[in-house]
PDB file of all heavy atoms in Angstrom:
ATOM      1  N   TRP A   1     -32.896 -46.388  76.679  1.00  0.00           N
ATOM      2  CA  TRP A   1     -31.590 -46.941  77.084  1.00  0.00           C
ATOM      3  C   TRP A   1     -31.405 -48.341  76.515  1.00  0.00           C
ATOM      4  O   TRP A   1     -30.296 -48.718  76.118  1.00  0.00           O
ATOM      5  CB  TRP A   1     -31.434 -46.939  78.600  1.00  0.00           C
ATOM      6  CG  TRP A   1     -31.178 -45.566  79.145  1.00  0.00           C
ATOM      7  CD1 TRP A   1     -31.979 -44.845  79.979  1.00  0.00           C
ATOM      8  CD2 TRP A   1     -30.043 -44.730  78.880  1.00  0.00           C
ATOM      9  NE1 TRP A   1     -31.419 -43.618  80.231  1.00  0.00           N
ATOM     10  CE2 TRP A   1     -30.241 -43.512  79.575  1.00  0.00           C
ATOM     11  CE3 TRP A   1     -28.894 -44.889  78.111  1.00  0.00           C
ATOM     12  CZ2 TRP A   1     -29.311 -42.471  79.533  1.00  0.00           C
ATOM     13  CZ3 TRP A   1     -27.976 -43.846  78.062  1.00  0.00           C
ATOM     14  CH2 TRP A   1     -28.185 -42.660  78.762  1.00  0.00           C
ATOM     15  N   SER A   2     -32.478 -49.128  76.441  1.00  0.00           N
ATOM     16  CA  SER A   2     -32.349 -50.496  75.917  1.00  0.00           C
ATOM     17  C   SER A   2     -31.934 -50.514  74.452  1.00  0.00           C
ATOM     18  O   SER A   2     -31.332 -51.472  73.984  1.00  0.00           O
ATOM     19  CB  SER A   2     -33.652 -51.279  76.113  1.00  0.00           C
ATOM     20  OG  SER A   2     -34.659 -50.870  75.218  1.00  0.00           O
ATOM     21  N   ARG A   3     -32.223 -49.450  73.738  1.00  0.00           N
ATOM     22  CA  ARG A   3     -31.833 -49.362  72.326  1.00  0.00           C
ATOM     23  C   ARG A   3     -30.315 -49.202  72.160  1.00  0.00           C
ATOM     24  O   ARG A   3     -29.783 -49.402  71.079  1.00  0.00           O
ATOM     25  CB  ARG A   3     -32.544 -48.193  71.652  1.00  0.00           C
ATOM     26  CG  ARG A   3     -34.042 -48.356  71.557  1.00  0.00           C
ATOM     27  CD  ARG A   3     -34.675 -47.167  70.844  1.00  0.00           C
ATOM     28  NE  ARG A   3     -36.107 -47.087  71.042  1.00  0.00           N
ATOM     29  CZ  ARG A   3     -37.009 -47.839  70.425  1.00  0.00           C
ATOM     30  NH1 ARG A   3     -36.624 -48.747  69.547  1.00  0.00           N
ATOM     31  NH2 ARG A   3     -38.294 -47.680  70.672  1.00  0.00           N
ATOM     32  N   ARG A   4     -29.616 -48.836  73.238  1.00  0.00           N
ATOM     33  CA  ARG A   4     -28.161 -48.660  73.183  1.00  0.00           C
ATOM     34  C   ARG A   4     -27.381 -49.958  73.396  1.00  0.00           C
ATOM     35  O   ARG A   4     -26.157 -49.963  73.270  1.00  0.00           O
ATOM     36  CB  ARG A   4     -27.725 -47.650  74.238  1.00  0.00           C
ATOM     37  CG  ARG A   4     -28.241 -46.268  73.975  1.00  0.00           C
ATOM     38  CD  ARG A   4     -27.772 -45.329  75.051  1.00  0.00           C
ATOM     39  NE  ARG A   4     -28.245 -43.997  74.776  1.00  0.00           N
ATOM     40  CZ  ARG A   4     -27.455 -42.937  74.709  1.00  0.00           C
ATOM     41  NH1 ARG A   4     -26.168 -43.054  74.929  1.00  0.00           N
ATOM     42  NH2 ARG A   4     -27.965 -41.763  74.459  1.00  0.00           N
ATOM     43  N   CYS A   5     -28.069 -51.021  73.759  1.00  0.00           N
ATOM     44  CA  CYS A   5     -27.394 -52.285  74.055  1.00  0.00           C
ATOM     45  C   CYS A   5     -26.646 -52.804  72.830  1.00  0.00           C
ATOM     46  O   CYS A   5     -27.230 -52.873  71.743  1.00  0.00           O
ATOM     47  CB  CYS A   5     -28.399 -53.353  74.461  1.00  0.00           C
ATOM     48  SG  CYS A   5     -29.322 -52.988  75.945  1.00  0.00           S
ATOM     49  N   PRO A   6     -25.392 -53.208  73.029  1.00  0.00           N
ATOM     50  CA  PRO A   6     -24.739 -53.950  71.946  1.00  0.00           C
ATOM     51  C   PRO A   6     -25.497 -55.278  71.788  1.00  0.00           C
ATOM     52  O   PRO A   6     -25.577 -56.049  72.736  1.00  0.00           O
ATOM     53  CB  PRO A   6     -23.319 -54.173  72.456  1.00  0.00           C
ATOM     54  CG  PRO A   6     -23.144 -53.224  73.599  1.00  0.00           C
ATOM     55  CD  PRO A   6     -24.507 -52.992  74.163  1.00  0.00           C
ATOM     56  N   SER A   7     -26.097 -55.499  70.660  1.00  0.00           N
ATOM     57  CA  SER A   7     -26.919 -56.689  70.472  1.00  0.00           C
ATOM     58  C   SER A   7     -26.052 -57.935  70.292  1.00  0.00           C
ATOM     59  O   SER A   7     -25.042 -57.907  69.588  1.00  0.00           O
ATOM     60  CB  SER A   7     -27.827 -56.494  69.262  1.00  0.00           C
ATOM     61  OG  SER A   7     -28.883 -57.407  69.306  1.00  0.00           O
ATOM     62  N   VAL A   8     -26.465 -58.995  70.959  1.00  0.00           N
ATOM     63  CA  VAL A   8     -25.811 -60.299  70.829  1.00  0.00           C
ATOM     64  C   VAL A   8     -26.912 -61.339  70.616  1.00  0.00           C
ATOM     65  O   VAL A   8     -28.052 -61.126  71.035  1.00  0.00           O
ATOM     66  CB  VAL A   8     -24.943 -60.646  72.066  1.00  0.00           C
ATOM     67  CG1 VAL A   8     -23.788 -59.657  72.209  1.00  0.00           C
ATOM     68  CG2 VAL A   8     -25.756 -60.679  73.339  1.00  0.00           C
ATOM     69  N   PRO A   9     -26.592 -62.458  69.993  1.00  0.00           N
ATOM     70  CA  PRO A   9     -27.647 -63.410  69.634  1.00  0.00           C
ATOM     71  C   PRO A   9     -28.283 -64.154  70.802  1.00  0.00           C
ATOM     72  O   PRO A   9     -29.375 -64.684  70.659  1.00  0.00           O
ATOM     73  CB  PRO A   9     -26.937 -64.386  68.693  1.00  0.00           C
ATOM     74  CG  PRO A   9     -25.496 -64.247  68.983  1.00  0.00           C
ATOM     75  CD  PRO A   9     -25.292 -62.835  69.454  1.00  0.00           C
ATOM     76  N   ASP A  10     -27.638 -64.177  71.968  1.00  0.00           N
ATOM     77  CA  ASP A  10     -28.151 -64.998  73.066  1.00  0.00           C
ATOM     78  C   ASP A  10     -28.439 -64.224  74.348  1.00  0.00           C
ATOM     79  O   ASP A  10     -28.356 -64.773  75.450  1.00  0.00           O
ATOM     80  CB  ASP A  10     -27.179 -66.137  73.360  1.00  0.00           C
ATOM     81  CG  ASP A  10     -25.803 -65.637  73.757  1.00  0.00           C
ATOM     82  OD1 ASP A  10     -25.528 -64.436  73.601  1.00  0.00           O
ATOM     83  OD2 ASP A  10     -25.003 -66.461  74.236  1.00  0.00           O
ATOM     84  N   ALA A  11     -28.817 -62.944  74.232  1.00  0.00           N
ATOM     85  CA  ALA A  11     -29.139 -62.148  75.415  1.00  0.00           C
ATOM     86  C   ALA A  11     -30.143 -61.061  75.051  1.00  0.00           C
ATOM     87  O   ALA A  11     -30.178 -60.581  73.918  1.00  0.00           O
ATOM     88  CB  ALA A  11     -27.876 -61.517  75.998  1.00  0.00           C
ATOM     89  N   PHE A  12     -30.936 -60.685  76.045  1.00  0.00           N
ATOM     90  CA  PHE A  12     -31.928 -59.634  75.856  1.00  0.00           C
ATOM     91  C   PHE A  12     -31.275 -58.255  75.893  1.00  0.00           C
ATOM     92  O   PHE A  12     -30.259 -58.053  76.552  1.00  0.00           O
ATOM     93  CB  PHE A  12     -32.994 -59.696  76.955  1.00  0.00           C
ATOM     94  CG  PHE A  12     -33.883 -60.896  76.854  1.00  0.00           C
ATOM     95  CD1 PHE A  12     -33.737 -61.958  77.736  1.00  0.00           C
ATOM     96  CD2 PHE A  12     -34.877 -60.967  75.893  1.00  0.00           C
ATOM     97  CE1 PHE A  12     -34.563 -63.069  77.651  1.00  0.00           C
ATOM     98  CE2 PHE A  12     -35.711 -62.073  75.800  1.00  0.00           C
ATOM     99  CZ  PHE A  12     -35.548 -63.132  76.679  1.00  0.00           C
ATOM    100  N   ASN A  13     -31.879 -57.317  75.202  1.00  0.00           N
ATOM    101  CA  ASN A  13     -31.505 -55.907  75.259  1.00  0.00           C
ATOM    102  C   ASN A  13     -32.467 -55.241  76.242  1.00  0.00           C
ATOM    103  O   ASN A  13     -33.660 -55.154  75.969  1.00  0.00           O
ATOM    104  CB  ASN A  13     -31.624 -55.252  73.880  1.00  0.00           C
ATOM    105  CG  ASN A  13     -30.646 -55.842  72.894  1.00  0.00           C
ATOM    106  OD1 ASN A  13     -29.587 -56.319  73.261  1.00  0.00           O
ATOM    107  ND2 ASN A  13     -31.007 -55.819  71.629  1.00  0.00           N
ATOM    108  N   VAL A  14     -31.926 -54.817  77.375  1.00  0.00           N
ATOM    109  CA  VAL A  14     -32.750 -54.293  78.463  1.00  0.00           C
ATOM    110  C   VAL A  14     -32.222 -52.937  78.888  1.00  0.00           C
ATOM    111  O   VAL A  14     -31.009 -52.712  78.927  1.00  0.00           O
ATOM    112  CB  VAL A  14     -32.737 -55.271  79.668  1.00  0.00           C
ATOM    113  CG1 VAL A  14     -33.588 -54.738  80.817  1.00  0.00           C
ATOM    114  CG2 VAL A  14     -33.202 -56.655  79.247  1.00  0.00           C
ATOM    115  N   GLY A  15     -33.128 -52.042  79.252  1.00  0.00           N
ATOM    116  CA  GLY A  15     -32.775 -50.752  79.823  1.00  0.00           C
ATOM    117  C   GLY A  15     -33.405 -50.617  81.193  1.00  0.00           C
ATOM    118  O   GLY A  15     -34.465 -51.197  81.456  1.00  0.00           O
ATOM    119  N   ALA A  16     -32.765 -49.850  82.072  1.00  0.00           N
ATOM    120  CA  ALA A  16     -33.285 -49.644  83.424  1.00  0.00           C
ATOM    121  C   ALA A  16     -33.000 -48.219  83.877  1.00  0.00           C
ATOM    122  O   ALA A  16     -31.979 -47.633  83.504  1.00  0.00           O
ATOM    123  CB  ALA A  16     -32.656 -50.632  84.401  1.00  0.00           C
ATOM    124  N   VAL A  17     -33.912 -47.685  84.679  1.00  0.00           N
ATOM    125  CA  VAL A  17     -33.774 -46.354  85.251  1.00  0.00           C
ATOM    126  C   VAL A  17     -34.151 -46.443  86.728  1.00  0.00           C
ATOM    127  O   VAL A  17     -35.178 -47.036  87.066  1.00  0.00           O
ATOM    128  CB  VAL A  17     -34.696 -45.344  84.532  1.00  0.00           C
ATOM    129  CG1 VAL A  17     -34.656 -43.982  85.211  1.00  0.00           C
ATOM    130  CG2 VAL A  17     -34.315 -45.215  83.068  1.00  0.00           C
ATOM    131  N   VAL A  18     -33.320 -45.855  87.591  1.00  0.00           N
ATOM    132  CA  VAL A  18     -33.624 -45.775  89.023  1.00  0.00           C
ATOM    133  C   VAL A  18     -33.971 -44.327  89.327  1.00  0.00           C
ATOM    134  O   VAL A  18     -33.256 -43.411  88.911  1.00  0.00           O
ATOM    135  CB  VAL A  18     -32.426 -46.224  89.892  1.00  0.00           C
ATOM    136  CG1 VAL A  18     -32.760 -46.122  91.374  1.00  0.00           C
ATOM    137  CG2 VAL A  18     -32.000 -47.655  89.538  1.00  0.00           C
ATOM    138  N   VAL A  19     -35.083 -44.136  90.051  1.00  0.00           N
ATOM    139  CA  VAL A  19     -35.524 -42.792  90.412  1.00  0.00           C
ATOM    140  C   VAL A  19     -35.716 -42.693  91.919  1.00  0.00           C
ATOM    141  O   VAL A  19     -35.953 -43.700  92.592  1.00  0.00           O
ATOM    142  CB  VAL A  19     -36.830 -42.397  89.686  1.00  0.00           C
ATOM    143  CG1 VAL A  19     -36.655 -42.471  88.177  1.00  0.00           C
ATOM    144  CG2 VAL A  19     -37.995 -43.247  90.129  1.00  0.00           C
ATOM    145  N   ASP A  20     -35.623 -41.456  92.437  1.00  0.00           N
ATOM    146  CA  ASP A  20     -35.841 -41.254  93.867  1.00  0.00           C
ATOM    147  C   ASP A  20     -37.335 -41.098  94.155  1.00  0.00           C
ATOM    148  O   ASP A  20     -38.172 -41.174  93.244  1.00  0.00           O
ATOM    149  CB  ASP A  20     -35.017 -40.071  94.396  1.00  0.00           C
ATOM    150  CG  ASP A  20     -35.466 -38.710  93.892  1.00  0.00           C
ATOM    151  OD1 ASP A  20     -36.567 -38.597  93.305  1.00  0.00           O
ATOM    152  OD2 ASP A  20     -34.703 -37.750  94.087  1.00  0.00           O
ATOM    153  N   ALA A  21     -37.684 -40.850  95.411  1.00  0.00           N
ATOM    154  CA  ALA A  21     -39.078 -40.752  95.830  1.00  0.00           C
ATOM    155  C   ALA A  21     -39.811 -39.600  95.156  1.00  0.00           C
ATOM    156  O   ALA A  21     -41.042 -39.602  95.087  1.00  0.00           O
ATOM    157  CB  ALA A  21     -39.142 -40.601  97.345  1.00  0.00           C
ATOM    158  N   HIS A  22     -39.085 -38.623  94.652  1.00  0.00           N
ATOM    159  CA  HIS A  22     -39.688 -37.468  93.991  1.00  0.00           C
ATOM    160  C   HIS A  22     -39.713 -37.619  92.471  1.00  0.00           C
ATOM    161  O   HIS A  22     -40.077 -36.681  91.756  1.00  0.00           O
ATOM    162  CB  HIS A  22     -38.934 -36.195  94.376  1.00  0.00           C
ATOM    163  CG  HIS A  22     -38.856 -36.004  95.853  1.00  0.00           C
ATOM    164  ND1 HIS A  22     -39.941 -35.679  96.631  1.00  0.00           N
ATOM    165  CD2 HIS A  22     -37.816 -36.150  96.707  1.00  0.00           C
ATOM    166  CE1 HIS A  22     -39.580 -35.610  97.895  1.00  0.00           C
ATOM    167  NE2 HIS A  22     -38.298 -35.893  97.962  1.00  0.00           N
ATOM    168  N   GLY A  23     -39.292 -38.777  91.973  1.00  0.00           N
ATOM    169  CA  GLY A  23     -39.318 -39.031  90.546  1.00  0.00           C
ATOM    170  C   GLY A  23     -38.120 -38.510  89.787  1.00  0.00           C
ATOM    171  O   GLY A  23     -38.117 -38.504  88.564  1.00  0.00           O
ATOM    172  N   ARG A  24     -37.087 -38.102  90.512  1.00  0.00           N
ATOM    173  CA  ARG A  24     -35.865 -37.631  89.841  1.00  0.00           C
ATOM    174  C   ARG A  24     -34.976 -38.824  89.514  1.00  0.00           C
ATOM    175  O   ARG A  24     -34.729 -39.680  90.363  1.00  0.00           O
ATOM    176  CB  ARG A  24     -35.116 -36.646  90.735  1.00  0.00           C
ATOM    177  CG  ARG A  24     -35.850 -35.329  90.915  1.00  0.00           C
ATOM    178  CD  ARG A  24     -35.025 -34.380  91.756  1.00  0.00           C
ATOM    179  NE  ARG A  24     -34.851 -34.930  93.091  1.00  0.00           N
ATOM    180  CZ  ARG A  24     -35.367 -34.393  94.196  1.00  0.00           C
ATOM    181  NH1 ARG A  24     -36.063 -33.285  94.141  1.00  0.00           N
ATOM    182  NH2 ARG A  24     -35.158 -34.954  95.372  1.00  0.00           N
ATOM    183  N   GLN A  25     -34.475 -38.846  88.287  1.00  0.00           N
ATOM    184  CA  GLN A  25     -33.606 -39.950  87.871  1.00  0.00           C
ATOM    185  C   GLN A  25     -32.287 -39.902  88.634  1.00  0.00           C
ATOM    186  O   GLN A  25     -31.624 -38.875  88.689  1.00  0.00           O
ATOM    187  CB  GLN A  25     -33.337 -39.877  86.368  1.00  0.00           C
ATOM    188  CG  GLN A  25     -32.509 -41.053  85.879  1.00  0.00           C
ATOM    189  CD  GLN A  25     -32.324 -41.064  84.381  1.00  0.00           C
ATOM    190  OE1 GLN A  25     -33.270 -40.897  83.634  1.00  0.00           O
ATOM    191  NE2 GLN A  25     -31.102 -41.267  83.941  1.00  0.00           N
ATOM    192  N   LEU A  26     -31.938 -41.043  89.208  1.00  0.00           N
ATOM    193  CA  LEU A  26     -30.673 -41.187  89.920  1.00  0.00           C
ATOM    194  C   LEU A  26     -29.609 -41.857  89.061  1.00  0.00           C
ATOM    195  O   LEU A  26     -28.440 -41.508  89.136  1.00  0.00           O
ATOM    196  CB  LEU A  26     -30.873 -42.000  91.205  1.00  0.00           C
ATOM    197  CG  LEU A  26     -31.824 -41.426  92.245  1.00  0.00           C
ATOM    198  CD1 LEU A  26     -32.055 -42.435  93.363  1.00  0.00           C
ATOM    199  CD2 LEU A  26     -31.287 -40.113  92.786  1.00  0.00           C
ATOM    200  N   ALA A  27     -30.014 -42.842  88.278  1.00  0.00           N
ATOM    201  CA  ALA A  27     -29.065 -43.594  87.449  1.00  0.00           C
ATOM    202  C   ALA A  27     -29.828 -44.371  86.380  1.00  0.00           C
ATOM    203  O   ALA A  27     -31.024 -44.596  86.492  1.00  0.00           O
ATOM    204  CB  ALA A  27     -28.249 -44.559  88.305  1.00  0.00           C
ATOM    205  N   TYR A  28     -29.095 -44.770  85.371  1.00  0.00           N
ATOM    206  CA  TYR A  28     -29.633 -45.600  84.306  1.00  0.00           C
ATOM    207  C   TYR A  28     -28.648 -46.731  84.067  1.00  0.00           C
ATOM    208  O   TYR A  28     -27.501 -46.687  84.510  1.00  0.00           O
ATOM    209  CB  TYR A  28     -29.811 -44.795  83.009  1.00  0.00           C
ATOM    210  CG  TYR A  28     -28.480 -44.370  82.435  1.00  0.00           C
ATOM    211  CD1 TYR A  28     -27.761 -45.215  81.589  1.00  0.00           C
ATOM    212  CD2 TYR A  28     -27.917 -43.146  82.781  1.00  0.00           C
ATOM    213  CE1 TYR A  28     -26.519 -44.845  81.102  1.00  0.00           C
ATOM    214  CE2 TYR A  28     -26.680 -42.768  82.289  1.00  0.00           C
ATOM    215  CZ  TYR A  28     -25.989 -43.626  81.459  1.00  0.00           C
ATOM    216  OH  TYR A  28     -24.753 -43.262  80.987  1.00  0.00           O
ATOM    217  N   GLY A  29     -29.087 -47.716  83.335  1.00  0.00           N
ATOM    218  CA  GLY A  29     -28.197 -48.795  82.923  1.00  0.00           C
ATOM    219  C   GLY A  29     -28.800 -49.518  81.740  1.00  0.00           C
ATOM    220  O   GLY A  29     -29.999 -49.430  81.494  1.00  0.00           O
ATOM    221  N   TYR A  30     -27.955 -50.203  81.021  1.00  0.00           N
ATOM    222  CA  TYR A  30     -28.453 -51.043  79.933  1.00  0.00           C
ATOM    223  C   TYR A  30     -27.559 -52.267  79.808  1.00  0.00           C
ATOM    224  O   TYR A  30     -26.410 -52.275  80.255  1.00  0.00           O
ATOM    225  CB  TYR A  30     -28.576 -50.281  78.610  1.00  0.00           C
ATOM    226  CG  TYR A  30     -27.328 -49.591  78.121  1.00  0.00           C
ATOM    227  CD1 TYR A  30     -26.426 -50.237  77.277  1.00  0.00           C
ATOM    228  CD2 TYR A  30     -27.067 -48.268  78.477  1.00  0.00           C
ATOM    229  CE1 TYR A  30     -25.297 -49.585  76.809  1.00  0.00           C
ATOM    230  CE2 TYR A  30     -25.947 -47.618  78.016  1.00  0.00           C
ATOM    231  CZ  TYR A  30     -25.061 -48.275  77.183  1.00  0.00           C
ATOM    232  OH  TYR A  30     -23.938 -47.631  76.722  1.00  0.00           O
ATOM    233  N   SER A  31     -28.110 -53.297  79.231  1.00  0.00           N
ATOM    234  CA  SER A  31     -27.394 -54.565  79.092  1.00  0.00           C
ATOM    235  C   SER A  31     -26.079 -54.368  78.347  1.00  0.00           C
ATOM    236  O   SER A  31     -26.043 -53.675  77.324  1.00  0.00           O
ATOM    237  CB  SER A  31     -28.247 -55.578  78.322  1.00  0.00           C
ATOM    238  OG  SER A  31     -29.468 -55.791  78.971  1.00  0.00           O
ATOM    239  N   ARG A  32     -25.025 -54.963  78.889  1.00  0.00           N
ATOM    240  CA  ARG A  32     -23.692 -54.929  78.298  1.00  0.00           C
ATOM    241  C   ARG A  32     -23.100 -53.519  78.239  1.00  0.00           C
ATOM    242  O   ARG A  32     -22.212 -53.236  77.458  1.00  0.00           O
ATOM    243  CB  ARG A  32     -23.696 -55.610  76.924  1.00  0.00           C
ATOM    244  CG  ARG A  32     -24.040 -57.101  77.042  1.00  0.00           C
ATOM    245  CD  ARG A  32     -24.325 -57.783  75.743  1.00  0.00           C
ATOM    246  NE  ARG A  32     -25.470 -57.278  75.012  1.00  0.00           N
ATOM    247  CZ  ARG A  32     -26.742 -57.501  75.341  1.00  0.00           C
ATOM    248  NH1 ARG A  32     -27.039 -58.215  76.393  1.00  0.00           N
ATOM    249  NH2 ARG A  32     -27.716 -57.016  74.598  1.00  0.00           N
TER     250      ARG A  32
END
């Protein structure tokens, strides 16, 4: 997911994934 970030010169490219107690993905997000 972090590879999808629109790159800008003054910010990090970050990806995140939220999972439930059973390891199932609930949501994702990425910078910008």
